[in-house]
Amino acid sequence: MDASWLESFKGQHCTVLTITENERSDTGTLVRVADGWLQMIKDNGEMILIPWSAIRQVKMLDMTQTVPSLDRRTLPPLDTHIYEPNAQTL
């Protein structure tokens, strides 16, 4: 998994469903997603690290931030210089 786009979810409130022996659900705030691990602070204050291999699903709750989109300019920048036909040039 590429950690760069996953980092954009940092600070989001979510529920993580994991499956090892039994399915488990943890709800909290994402602190970091990188290096094969998801770090989260649960709503009760506990900090947990979850390996990517154990994650079955991540549900984003109450999206407080939007994922930044790519800035694509469809038009070239406008020239706002005022045209003066009789202006002296240096």
N, C-alpha and C. Protein backbone atom coordinates (compact mmCIF):
# COMPACT_ATOMS: atom_id res chain seq x y z
N MET A 1 0.84 -1.20 0.00
CA MET A 1 0.00 0.00 0.00
C MET A 1 0.87 1.25 0.00
N ASP A 2 0.43 2.25 -0.70
CA ASP A 2 1.14 3.51 -0.77
C ASP A 2 0.70 4.39 0.39
N ALA A 3 1.63 4.76 1.26
CA ALA A 3 1.30 5.52 2.47
C ALA A 3 0.98 6.98 2.17
N SER A 4 1.43 7.52 1.04
CA SER A 4 1.26 8.95 0.80
C SER A 4 -0.21 9.36 0.73
N TRP A 5 -1.04 8.67 -0.01
CA TRP A 5 -2.44 9.06 -0.10
C TRP A 5 -3.19 8.68 1.16
N LEU A 6 -2.75 7.65 1.86
CA LEU A 6 -3.42 7.25 3.10
C LEU A 6 -3.20 8.29 4.20
N GLU A 7 -2.06 8.99 4.16
CA GLU A 7 -1.79 10.03 5.15
C GLU A 7 -2.81 11.16 5.09
N SER A 8 -3.52 11.30 3.97
CA SER A 8 -4.52 12.36 3.87
C SER A 8 -5.71 12.13 4.80
N PHE A 9 -5.84 10.91 5.33
CA PHE A 9 -6.93 10.60 6.25
C PHE A 9 -6.55 10.85 7.71
N LYS A 10 -5.34 11.32 7.94
CA LYS A 10 -4.87 11.59 9.30
C LYS A 10 -5.81 12.58 9.98
N GLY A 11 -6.19 12.27 11.23
CA GLY A 11 -7.07 13.15 12.00
C GLY A 11 -8.55 12.82 11.85
N GLN A 12 -8.88 11.86 10.99
CA GLN A 12 -10.28 11.51 10.77
C GLN A 12 -10.78 10.54 11.85
N HIS A 13 -12.04 10.66 12.19
CA HIS A 13 -12.69 9.75 13.14
C HIS A 13 -13.17 8.54 12.34
N CYS A 14 -12.83 7.33 12.78
CA CYS A 14 -13.18 6.15 12.00
C CYS A 14 -13.35 4.92 12.89
N THR A 15 -13.90 3.88 12.29
CA THR A 15 -14.00 2.57 12.92
C THR A 15 -13.18 1.61 12.07
N VAL A 16 -12.30 0.85 12.72
CA VAL A 16 -11.47 -0.12 12.02
C VAL A 16 -11.93 -1.52 12.40
N LEU A 17 -12.27 -2.31 11.40
CA LEU A 17 -12.64 -3.70 11.62
C LEU A 17 -11.42 -4.56 11.31
N THR A 18 -11.02 -5.37 12.27
CA THR A 18 -9.88 -6.25 12.08
C THR A 18 -10.32 -7.69 12.24
N ILE A 19 -9.58 -8.56 11.63
CA ILE A 19 -9.88 -9.98 11.76
C ILE A 19 -8.58 -10.74 11.99
N THR A 20 -8.49 -11.37 13.11
CA THR A 20 -7.38 -12.28 13.41
C THR A 20 -8.03 -13.61 13.75
N GLU A 21 -8.28 -13.86 15.03
CA GLU A 21 -9.04 -15.05 15.41
C GLU A 21 -10.53 -14.74 15.37
N ASN A 22 -10.89 -13.58 15.90
CA ASN A 22 -12.28 -13.11 15.89
C ASN A 22 -12.30 -11.71 15.30
N GLU A 23 -13.44 -11.34 14.73
CA GLU A 23 -13.55 -9.98 14.22
C GLU A 23 -13.63 -9.01 15.38
N ARG A 24 -12.93 -7.89 15.25
CA ARG A 24 -12.88 -6.89 16.30
C ARG A 24 -13.13 -5.53 15.67
N SER A 25 -13.71 -4.62 16.45
CA SER A 25 -14.01 -3.28 15.98
C SER A 25 -13.45 -2.27 16.97
N ASP A 26 -12.70 -1.29 16.47
CA ASP A 26 -12.17 -0.21 17.30
C ASP A 26 -12.53 1.12 16.65
N THR A 27 -12.99 2.07 17.45
CA THR A 27 -13.37 3.39 16.95
C THR A 27 -12.49 4.44 17.61
N GLY A 28 -12.00 5.37 16.79
CA GLY A 28 -11.14 6.43 17.32
C GLY A 28 -10.68 7.35 16.21
N THR A 29 -9.59 8.05 16.47
CA THR A 29 -9.04 9.02 15.53
C THR A 29 -7.72 8.52 14.97
N LEU A 30 -7.59 8.57 13.64
CA LEU A 30 -6.35 8.14 13.00
C LEU A 30 -5.23 9.13 13.30
N VAL A 31 -4.12 8.60 13.75
CA VAL A 31 -2.95 9.44 14.02
C VAL A 31 -1.97 9.35 12.86
N ARG A 32 -1.76 8.11 12.37
CA ARG A 32 -0.81 7.92 11.28
C ARG A 32 -1.11 6.62 10.56
N VAL A 33 -0.87 6.62 9.26
CA VAL A 33 -1.01 5.43 8.43
C VAL A 33 0.26 5.33 7.60
N ALA A 34 1.16 4.42 7.97
CA ALA A 34 2.41 4.27 7.24
C ALA A 34 3.17 3.04 7.70
N ASP A 35 4.15 2.64 6.91
CA ASP A 35 5.07 1.56 7.27
C ASP A 35 4.38 0.27 7.67
N GLY A 36 3.25 -0.02 7.05
CA GLY A 36 2.56 -1.27 7.33
C GLY A 36 1.71 -1.26 8.59
N TRP A 37 1.53 -0.08 9.18
CA TRP A 37 0.77 0.03 10.42
C TRP A 37 -0.20 1.19 10.37
N LEU A 38 -1.28 1.06 11.10
CA LEU A 38 -2.25 2.13 11.30
C LEU A 38 -2.20 2.47 12.79
N GLN A 39 -1.94 3.71 13.12
CA GLN A 39 -1.89 4.16 14.52
C GLN A 39 -3.14 4.96 14.79
N MET A 40 -3.83 4.62 15.88
CA MET A 40 -5.06 5.32 16.20
C MET A 40 -5.20 5.50 17.70
N ILE A 41 -5.87 6.60 18.07
CA ILE A 41 -6.22 6.83 19.46
C ILE A 41 -7.70 6.54 19.58
N LYS A 42 -8.01 5.51 20.37
CA LYS A 42 -9.39 5.12 20.55
C LYS A 42 -10.15 6.19 21.32
N ASP A 43 -11.47 6.13 21.23
CA ASP A 43 -12.30 7.12 21.92
C ASP A 43 -12.11 7.09 23.43
N ASN A 44 -11.65 5.96 23.98
CA ASN A 44 -11.42 5.87 25.42
C ASN A 44 -10.03 6.35 25.82
N GLY A 45 -9.23 6.82 24.84
CA GLY A 45 -7.91 7.37 25.13
C GLY A 45 -6.75 6.41 24.90
N GLU A 46 -7.01 5.14 24.68
CA GLU A 46 -5.94 4.17 24.42
C GLU A 46 -5.36 4.38 23.03
N MET A 47 -4.05 4.23 22.91
CA MET A 47 -3.42 4.29 21.61
C MET A 47 -3.15 2.86 21.16
N ILE A 48 -3.53 2.54 19.93
CA ILE A 48 -3.29 1.20 19.40
C ILE A 48 -2.60 1.28 18.05
N LEU A 49 -1.86 0.24 17.74
CA LEU A 49 -1.22 0.07 16.44
C LEU A 49 -1.81 -1.18 15.82
N ILE A 50 -2.26 -1.07 14.57
CA ILE A 50 -2.89 -2.19 13.90
C ILE A 50 -2.09 -2.47 12.63
N PRO A 51 -1.63 -3.71 12.44
CA PRO A 51 -0.91 -4.03 11.18
C PRO A 51 -1.88 -4.07 10.01
N TRP A 52 -1.42 -3.62 8.84
CA TRP A 52 -2.27 -3.62 7.66
C TRP A 52 -2.83 -4.99 7.35
N SER A 53 -2.05 -6.03 7.65
CA SER A 53 -2.49 -7.39 7.32
C SER A 53 -3.71 -7.83 8.13
N ALA A 54 -3.97 -7.16 9.26
CA ALA A 54 -5.12 -7.51 10.11
C ALA A 54 -6.36 -6.69 9.79
N ILE A 55 -6.22 -5.64 8.99
CA ILE A 55 -7.35 -4.75 8.72
C ILE A 55 -8.25 -5.36 7.65
N ARG A 56 -9.53 -5.45 7.99
CA ARG A 56 -10.52 -5.91 7.01
C ARG A 56 -11.22 -4.72 6.36
N GLN A 57 -11.54 -3.71 7.19
CA GLN A 57 -12.26 -2.56 6.65
C GLN A 57 -12.04 -1.36 7.55
N VAL A 58 -12.00 -0.18 6.95
CA VAL A 58 -11.92 1.08 7.68
C VAL A 58 -13.13 1.91 7.27
N LYS A 59 -13.95 2.26 8.25
CA LYS A 59 -15.14 3.08 7.98
C LYS A 59 -14.86 4.49 8.47
N MET A 60 -14.96 5.46 7.57
CA MET A 60 -14.78 6.85 7.94
C MET A 60 -16.09 7.39 8.50
N LEU A 61 -16.02 7.98 9.68
CA LEU A 61 -17.19 8.53 10.35
C LEU A 61 -17.07 10.04 10.41
N ASP A 62 -18.16 10.74 10.25
CA ASP A 62 -18.18 12.20 10.43
C ASP A 62 -16.98 12.87 9.76
N MET A 63 -16.90 12.76 8.47
CA MET A 63 -15.76 13.33 7.74
C MET A 63 -15.64 14.82 8.05
N THR A 64 -14.66 15.16 8.87
CA THR A 64 -14.44 16.55 9.24
C THR A 64 -13.56 17.25 8.23
N GLN A 65 -12.82 16.49 7.45
CA GLN A 65 -11.96 17.06 6.43
C GLN A 65 -12.28 16.35 5.13
N THR A 66 -12.05 17.04 4.04
CA THR A 66 -12.21 16.36 2.77
C THR A 66 -10.84 15.96 2.28
N VAL A 67 -10.80 14.96 1.47
CA VAL A 67 -9.55 14.51 0.89
C VAL A 67 -9.16 15.53 -0.17
N PRO A 68 -7.95 16.06 -0.10
CA PRO A 68 -7.56 17.07 -1.08
C PRO A 68 -7.53 16.49 -2.49
N SER A 69 -8.09 17.22 -3.42
CA SER A 69 -8.06 16.77 -4.82
C SER A 69 -6.88 17.41 -5.52
N LEU A 70 -6.64 16.96 -6.71
CA LEU A 70 -5.57 17.52 -7.50
C LEU A 70 -5.99 18.87 -8.04
N ASP A 71 -5.10 19.85 -8.01
CA ASP A 71 -5.38 21.16 -8.56
C ASP A 71 -5.04 21.13 -10.04
N ARG A 72 -6.07 21.16 -10.86
CA ARG A 72 -5.85 21.12 -12.30
C ARG A 72 -6.41 22.39 -12.90
N ARG A 73 -5.56 23.13 -13.55
CA ARG A 73 -5.99 24.35 -14.21
C ARG A 73 -6.47 24.00 -15.62
N THR A 74 -7.66 24.43 -15.92
CA THR A 74 -8.20 24.13 -17.25
C THR A 74 -7.88 25.23 -18.25
N LEU A 75 -7.60 26.44 -17.78
CA LEU A 75 -7.25 27.55 -18.64
C LEU A 75 -5.85 28.05 -18.29
N PRO A 76 -5.13 28.60 -19.27
CA PRO A 76 -3.83 29.18 -18.94
C PRO A 76 -4.04 30.42 -18.07
N PRO A 77 -3.04 30.81 -17.30
CA PRO A 77 -3.18 32.01 -16.47
C PRO A 77 -3.45 33.24 -17.33
N LEU A 78 -4.31 34.10 -16.85
CA LEU A 78 -4.66 35.32 -17.58
C LEU A 78 -3.59 36.38 -17.42
N ASP A 79 -3.29 37.07 -18.51
CA ASP A 79 -2.34 38.18 -18.46
C ASP A 79 -3.12 39.43 -18.05
N THR A 80 -2.82 39.95 -16.88
CA THR A 80 -3.54 41.12 -16.37
C THR A 80 -2.79 42.42 -16.66
N HIS A 81 -1.74 42.33 -17.46
CA HIS A 81 -0.98 43.52 -17.81
C HIS A 81 -1.84 44.43 -18.69
N ILE A 82 -1.86 45.72 -18.37
CA ILE A 82 -2.63 46.70 -19.14
C ILE A 82 -1.83 47.07 -20.39
N TYR A 83 -2.47 46.93 -21.52
CA TYR A 83 -1.82 47.26 -22.78
C TYR A 83 -1.83 48.77 -23.00
N GLU A 84 -0.66 49.34 -23.20
CA GLU A 84 -0.52 50.77 -23.48
C GLU A 84 0.29 50.90 -24.76
N PRO A 85 -0.37 51.17 -25.88
CA PRO A 85 0.30 51.17 -27.17
C PRO A 85 1.39 52.26 -27.30
N ASN A 86 1.28 53.36 -26.58
CA ASN A 86 2.26 54.45 -26.72
C ASN A 86 3.23 54.50 -25.55
N ALA A 87 3.31 53.42 -24.77
CA ALA A 87 4.19 53.43 -23.59
C ALA A 87 5.65 53.34 -24.01
N GLN A 88 6.50 54.03 -23.29
CA GLN A 88 7.95 53.99 -23.53
C GLN A 88 8.50 52.68 -23.00
N THR A 89 9.37 52.04 -23.72
CA THR A 89 10.03 50.83 -23.23
C THR A 89 11.46 51.16 -22.91
N LEU A 90 12.00 50.49 -21.93
CA LEU A 90 13.40 50.75 -21.53
C LEU A 90 14.35 49.82 -22.18
